[in-house]
C-alpha atoms as a PDB file:
ATOM      1  CA  MET A   1     113.938 121.208  90.716  1.00  0.00           C
ATOM      2  CA  ALA A   2     111.363 122.771  88.450  1.00  0.00           C
ATOM      3  CA  THR A   3     110.058 120.613  85.630  1.00  0.00           C
ATOM      4  CA  THR A   4     109.720 122.388  82.307  1.00  0.00           C
ATOM      5  CA  ALA A   5     107.512 121.428  79.387  1.00  0.00           C
ATOM      6  CA  TYR A   6     110.617 120.189  77.583  1.00  0.00           C
ATOM      7  CA  ASP A   7     111.416 117.862  80.491  1.00  0.00           C
ATOM      8  CA  ILE A   8     107.955 116.312  80.156  1.00  0.00           C
ATOM      9  CA  ILE A   9     107.791 115.990  76.349  1.00  0.00           C
ATOM     10  CA  LYS A  10     110.927 114.077  75.356  1.00  0.00           C
ATOM     11  CA  ARG A  11     110.417 113.490  71.627  1.00  0.00           C
ATOM     12  CA  PRO A  12     107.747 112.759  69.014  1.00  0.00           C
ATOM     13  CA  ILE A  13     107.178 109.141  68.022  1.00  0.00           C
ATOM     14  CA  ILE A  14     107.577 108.806  64.254  1.00  0.00           C
ATOM     15  CA  THR A  15     105.995 105.591  62.980  1.00  0.00           C
ATOM     16  CA  GLU A  16     103.620 104.701  60.192  1.00  0.00           C
ATOM     17  CA  GLN A  17     100.765 104.491  62.693  1.00  0.00           C
ATOM     18  CA  SER A  18     101.576 107.819  64.348  1.00  0.00           C
ATOM     19  CA  MET A  19     101.724 109.515  60.947  1.00  0.00           C
ATOM     20  CA  ALA A  20      98.278 108.140  60.089  1.00  0.00           C
ATOM     21  CA  ASP A  21      97.019 109.430  63.471  1.00  0.00           C
ATOM     22  CA  ALA A  22      98.561 112.849  62.773  1.00  0.00           C
ATOM     23  CA  GLU A  23      96.266 113.210  59.762  1.00  0.00           C
ATOM     24  CA  MET A  24      93.373 112.966  62.240  1.00  0.00           C
ATOM     25  CA  LYS A  25      95.062 115.528  64.527  1.00  0.00           C
ATOM     26  CA  ARG A  26      96.259 112.914  67.043  1.00  0.00           C
ATOM     27  CA  TYR A  27      99.922 113.141  67.953  1.00  0.00           C
ATOM     28  CA  THR A  28     102.222 110.696  69.699  1.00  0.00           C
ATOM     29  CA  PHE A  29     105.071 111.678  72.035  1.00  0.00           C
ATOM     30  CA  GLU A  30     107.471 109.944  74.344  1.00  0.00           C
ATOM     31  CA  VAL A  31     107.021 111.621  77.715  1.00  0.00           C
ATOM     32  CA  ALA A  32     108.577 111.477  81.160  1.00  0.00           C
ATOM     33  CA  LYS A  33     107.466 108.398  83.104  1.00  0.00           C
ATOM     34  CA  THR A  34     106.537 110.554  86.086  1.00  0.00           C
ATOM     35  CA  ALA A  35     104.271 112.897  84.095  1.00  0.00           C
ATOM     36  CA  ASN A  36     100.507 112.617  84.453  1.00  0.00           C
ATOM     37  CA  LYS A  37      97.868 113.484  81.840  1.00  0.00           C
ATOM     38  CA  ILE A  38      97.339 117.028  83.133  1.00  0.00           C
ATOM     39  CA  GLU A  39     101.074 117.801  83.025  1.00  0.00           C
ATOM     40  CA  ILE A  40     101.356 116.328  79.537  1.00  0.00           C
ATOM     41  CA  ALA A  41      98.427 118.432  78.265  1.00  0.00           C
ATOM     42  CA  LYS A  42      99.894 121.625  79.760  1.00  0.00           C
ATOM     43  CA  ALA A  43     103.337 120.867  78.285  1.00  0.00           C
ATOM     44  CA  VAL A  44     101.919 120.313  74.789  1.00  0.00           C
ATOM     45  CA  GLU A  45      99.842 123.501  75.044  1.00  0.00           C
ATOM     46  CA  GLU A  46     102.915 125.476  76.179  1.00  0.00           C
ATOM     47  CA  ILE A  47     105.287 124.110  73.532  1.00  0.00           C
ATOM     48  CA  PHE A  48     102.964 124.092  70.523  1.00  0.00           C
ATOM     49  CA  GLY A  49     100.469 126.826  71.444  1.00  0.00           C
ATOM     50  CA  VAL A  50      97.413 124.628  70.893  1.00  0.00           C
ATOM     51  CA  LYS A  51      94.401 123.578  72.963  1.00  0.00           C
ATOM     52  CA  VAL A  52      94.612 119.898  73.956  1.00  0.00           C
ATOM     53  CA  ALA A  53      91.257 118.095  73.843  1.00  0.00           C
ATOM     54  CA  LYS A  54      92.300 114.713  75.253  1.00  0.00           C
ATOM     55  CA  VAL A  55      95.399 112.852  76.455  1.00  0.00           C
ATOM     56  CA  ASN A  56      95.811 109.068  76.282  1.00  0.00           C
ATOM     57  CA  THR A  57      98.805 107.430  77.925  1.00  0.00           C
ATOM     58  CA  LEU A  58     100.373 104.025  77.482  1.00  0.00           C
ATOM     59  CA  ASN A  59     103.236 102.420  79.399  1.00  0.00           C
ATOM     60  CA  MET A  60     105.024 100.339  76.804  1.00  0.00           C
ATOM     61  CA  TYR A  61     107.962  98.153  77.683  1.00  0.00           C
ATOM     62  CA  GLY A  62     110.819  98.044  75.192  1.00  0.00           C
ATOM     63  CA  LYS A  63     111.780  94.891  73.378  1.00  0.00           C
ATOM     64  CA  GLU A  64     114.639  93.018  75.010  1.00  0.00           C
ATOM     65  CA  LYS A  65     117.002  93.757  72.111  1.00  0.00           C
ATOM     66  CA  ARG A  66     116.350  97.493  72.466  1.00  0.00           C
ATOM     67  CA  LYS A  67     116.957  97.716  76.190  1.00  0.00           C
ATOM     68  CA  ARG A  68     120.197  98.843  77.741  1.00  0.00           C
ATOM     69  CA  GLN A  69     119.467  96.838  80.869  1.00  0.00           C
ATOM     70  CA  GLN A  70     118.216  93.287  81.106  1.00  0.00           C
ATOM     71  CA  GLY A  71     114.483  92.931  81.720  1.00  0.00           C
ATOM     72  CA  LYS A  72     112.710  90.860  84.357  1.00  0.00           C
ATOM     73  CA  GLU A  73     112.433  88.060  81.808  1.00  0.00           C
ATOM     74  CA  GLY A  74     116.065  87.312  82.520  1.00  0.00           C
ATOM     75  CA  LYS A  75     118.075  85.387  80.002  1.00  0.00           C
ATOM     76  CA  LEU A  76     116.540  85.077  76.564  1.00  0.00           C
ATOM     77  CA  GLY A  77     117.626  82.772  73.809  1.00  0.00           C
ATOM     78  CA  VAL A  78     121.007  81.209  74.514  1.00  0.00           C
ATOM     79  CA  GLU A  79     122.360  83.921  76.815  1.00  0.00           C
ATOM     80  CA  GLY A  80     123.876  82.417  79.932  1.00  0.00           C
ATOM     81  CA  MET A  81     123.358  78.778  78.931  1.00  0.00           C
ATOM     82  CA  ARG A  82     126.233  76.421  79.587  1.00  0.00           C
ATOM     83  CA  PRO A  83     128.128  75.417  76.413  1.00  0.00           C
ATOM     84  CA  GLU A  84     127.495  71.705  77.112  1.00  0.00           C
ATOM     85  CA  VAL A  85     123.729  72.281  77.126  1.00  0.00           C
ATOM     86  CA  LEU A  86     123.909  74.197  73.841  1.00  0.00           C
ATOM     87  CA  GLU A  87     126.092  71.551  72.241  1.00  0.00           C
ATOM     88  CA  GLN A  88     123.738  68.783  73.369  1.00  0.00           C
ATOM     89  CA  ALA A  89     120.716  70.649  71.969  1.00  0.00           C
ATOM     90  CA  LEU A  90     122.472  71.285  68.664  1.00  0.00           C
ATOM     91  CA  ARG A  91     123.495  67.641  68.325  1.00  0.00           C
ATOM     92  CA  ARG A  92     119.931  66.450  69.033  1.00  0.00           C
ATOM     93  CA  ALA A  93     118.646  68.888  66.406  1.00  0.00           C
ATOM     94  CA  GLY A  94     120.865  67.209  63.853  1.00  0.00           C
ATOM     95  CA  ALA A  95     123.819  69.588  63.746  1.00  0.00           C
ATOM     96  CA  THR A  96     127.149  68.004  62.914  1.00  0.00           C
ATOM     97  CA  VAL A  97     130.359  69.029  64.584  1.00  0.00           C
ATOM     98  CA  LEU A  98     133.367  68.928  62.271  1.00  0.00           C
ATOM     99  CA  GLU A  99     133.330  65.520  60.543  1.00  0.00           C
ATOM    100  CA  GLU A 100     130.860  63.738  62.848  1.00  0.00           C
ATOM    101  CA  GLU A 101     127.774  62.046  61.501  1.00  0.00           C
ATOM    102  CA  SER A 102     124.345  63.566  61.992  1.00  0.00           C
ATOM    103  CA  ALA A 103     122.649  62.603  65.265  1.00  0.00           C
ATOM    104  CA  ALA A 104     119.074  63.690  64.675  1.00  0.00           C
ATOM    105  CA  ASN A 105     116.592  63.228  67.500  1.00  0.00           C
ATOM    106  CA  PRO A 106     115.168  59.711  66.977  1.00  0.00           C
ATOM    107  CA  GLY A 107     111.855  58.448  68.284  1.00  0.00           C
ATOM    108  CA  ALA A 108     108.628  60.087  69.324  1.00  0.00           C
ATOM    109  CA  PRO A 109     108.752  63.695  70.538  1.00  0.00           C
ATOM    110  CA  ILE A 110     107.805  64.828  74.033  1.00  0.00           C
ATOM    111  CA  THR A 111     104.156  65.926  74.002  1.00  0.00           C
ATOM    112  CA  LYS A 112     101.911  68.109  76.146  1.00  0.00           C
ATOM    113  CA  ALA A 113     100.442  64.897  77.545  1.00  0.00           C
ATOM    114  CA  ASP A 114     103.929  63.975  78.800  1.00  0.00           C
ATOM    115  CA  LEU A 115     104.225  67.378  80.493  1.00  0.00           C
ATOM    116  CA  TYR A 116     100.825  66.797  82.105  1.00  0.00           C
ATOM    117  CA  ALA A 117     101.816  63.298  83.272  1.00  0.00           C
ATOM    118  CA  ALA A 118     105.027  64.724  84.745  1.00  0.00           C
ATOM    119  CA  GLY A 119     102.996  67.310  86.672  1.00  0.00           C
ATOM    120  CA  LEU A 120     104.456  70.248  84.740  1.00  0.00           C
ATOM    121  CA  THR A 121     101.022  71.378  83.515  1.00  0.00           C
ATOM    122  CA  GLY A 122      97.477  71.070  84.792  1.00  0.00           C
ATOM    123  CA  ALA A 123      98.274  70.456  88.463  1.00  0.00           C
ATOM    124  CA  PRO A 124      97.915  72.933  91.343  1.00  0.00           C
ATOM    125  CA  ASP A 125     101.696  73.013  91.862  1.00  0.00           C
ATOM    126  CA  SER A 126     102.669  72.719  88.179  1.00  0.00           C
ATOM    127  CA  ALA A 127     103.922  76.318  87.971  1.00  0.00           C
ATOM    128  CA  ALA A 128     106.376  75.697  90.815  1.00  0.00           C
ATOM    129  CA  ARG A 129     107.516  72.417  89.243  1.00  0.00           C
ATOM    130  CA  ARG A 130     108.021  74.109  85.855  1.00  0.00           C
ATOM    131  CA  LYS A 131     109.962  76.928  87.507  1.00  0.00           C
ATOM    132  CA  ALA A 132     112.215  74.417  89.303  1.00  0.00           C
ATOM    133  CA  LEU A 133     112.826  72.540  86.037  1.00  0.00           C
ATOM    134  CA  LEU A 134     113.655  75.791  84.230  1.00  0.00           C
ATOM    135  CA  ARG A 135     116.138  76.670  86.976  1.00  0.00           C
ATOM    136  CA  ARG A 136     117.813  73.238  86.695  1.00  0.00           C
ATOM    137  CA  LEU A 137     118.107  73.668  82.912  1.00  0.00           C
ATOM    138  CA  ASP A 138     119.393  77.273  83.206  1.00  0.00           C
ATOM    139  CA  LEU A 139     116.473  78.613  81.157  1.00  0.00           C
ATOM    140  CA  PRO A 140     114.469  81.851  81.594  1.00  0.00           C
ATOM    141  CA  GLU A 141     111.965  81.623  84.453  1.00  0.00           C
ATOM    142  CA  HIS A 142     109.137  83.090  82.365  1.00  0.00           C
ATOM    143  CA  LEU A 143     109.277  80.465  79.609  1.00  0.00           C
ATOM    144  CA  ALA A 144     105.799  79.427  78.428  1.00  0.00           C
ATOM    145  CA  ALA A 145     104.731  75.770  78.407  1.00  0.00           C
ATOM    146  CA  ASN A 146     104.879  75.548  74.584  1.00  0.00           C
ATOM    147  CA  ALA A 147     108.374  77.014  74.510  1.00  0.00           C
ATOM    148  CA  LEU A 148     109.413  74.617  77.291  1.00  0.00           C
ATOM    149  CA  LEU A 149     108.125  71.746  75.188  1.00  0.00           C
ATOM    150  CA  SER A 150     110.297  72.834  72.246  1.00  0.00           C
ATOM    151  CA  VAL A 151     113.371  73.119  74.474  1.00  0.00           C
ATOM    152  CA  LEU A 152     112.769  69.717  76.071  1.00  0.00           C
ATOM    153  CA  ASN A 153     112.436  68.117  72.632  1.00  0.00           C
ATOM    154  CA  ALA A 154     115.757  69.697  71.635  1.00  0.00           C
ATOM    155  CA  LEU A 155     117.534  68.526  74.789  1.00  0.00           C
ATOM    156  CA  TYR A 156     116.070  65.081  75.462  1.00  0.00           C
ATOM    157  CA  THR A 157     114.507  62.116  73.773  1.00  0.00           C
ATOM    158  CA  ARG A 158     111.061  61.198  75.062  1.00  0.00           C
ATOM    159  CA  GLU A 159     112.502  58.182  76.877  1.00  0.00           C
ATOM    160  CA  GLU A 160     115.192  60.283  78.602  1.00  0.00           C
ATOM    161  CA  PHE A 161     112.580  62.840  79.656  1.00  0.00           C
ATOM    162  CA  LEU A 162     110.231  60.195  81.055  1.00  0.00           C
ATOM    163  CA  ALA A 163     113.103  58.510  82.933  1.00  0.00           C
ATOM    164  CA  ARG A 164     114.225  61.847  84.396  1.00  0.00           C
ATOM    165  CA  THR A 165     110.758  62.842  85.546  1.00  0.00           C
ATOM    166  CA  ALA A 166     110.209  59.391  87.058  1.00  0.00           C
ATOM    167  CA  GLU A 167     113.446  59.806  89.053  1.00  0.00           C
ATOM    168  CA  GLU A 168     112.375  63.228  90.313  1.00  0.00           C
ATOM    169  CA  LYS A 169     108.996  61.948  91.493  1.00  0.00           C
ATOM    170  CA  ARG A 170     110.709  59.436  93.809  1.00  0.00           C
END
């Protein structure tokens, strides 16, 4: 199958930045993923009848909300979480269900020092331990330590977290 210039150049990118670049005679296009710089330059020269001085390429991944297919990040936000886990997190955050009283998270929050003491940060095998914990909690595998800390504070009190991690160490 022969590739034409129109197969290589898909569409122009119209953003505030690309319009500012256009004033300096730099143009931005979405191109075929398989195209290299030489093919892109030839396609632009063929379509627009100009001489291309330089081609810069960038592989940019789409934001999760813009993708048709799920990314390697897996579940984001509350997608795929069990309803019981969501309800527990909402209750700890102080949400009331129907006519119940507020059950805000009492006591001291879980800190980075607690994560370190539990071996979830700072240890040679901490990444594997964090990944195992994320799997048990049905959370995305690529969740950063700070985000994990926020989730743990929403799901558990500090005492519950320390008791759980002590059980797992045995």
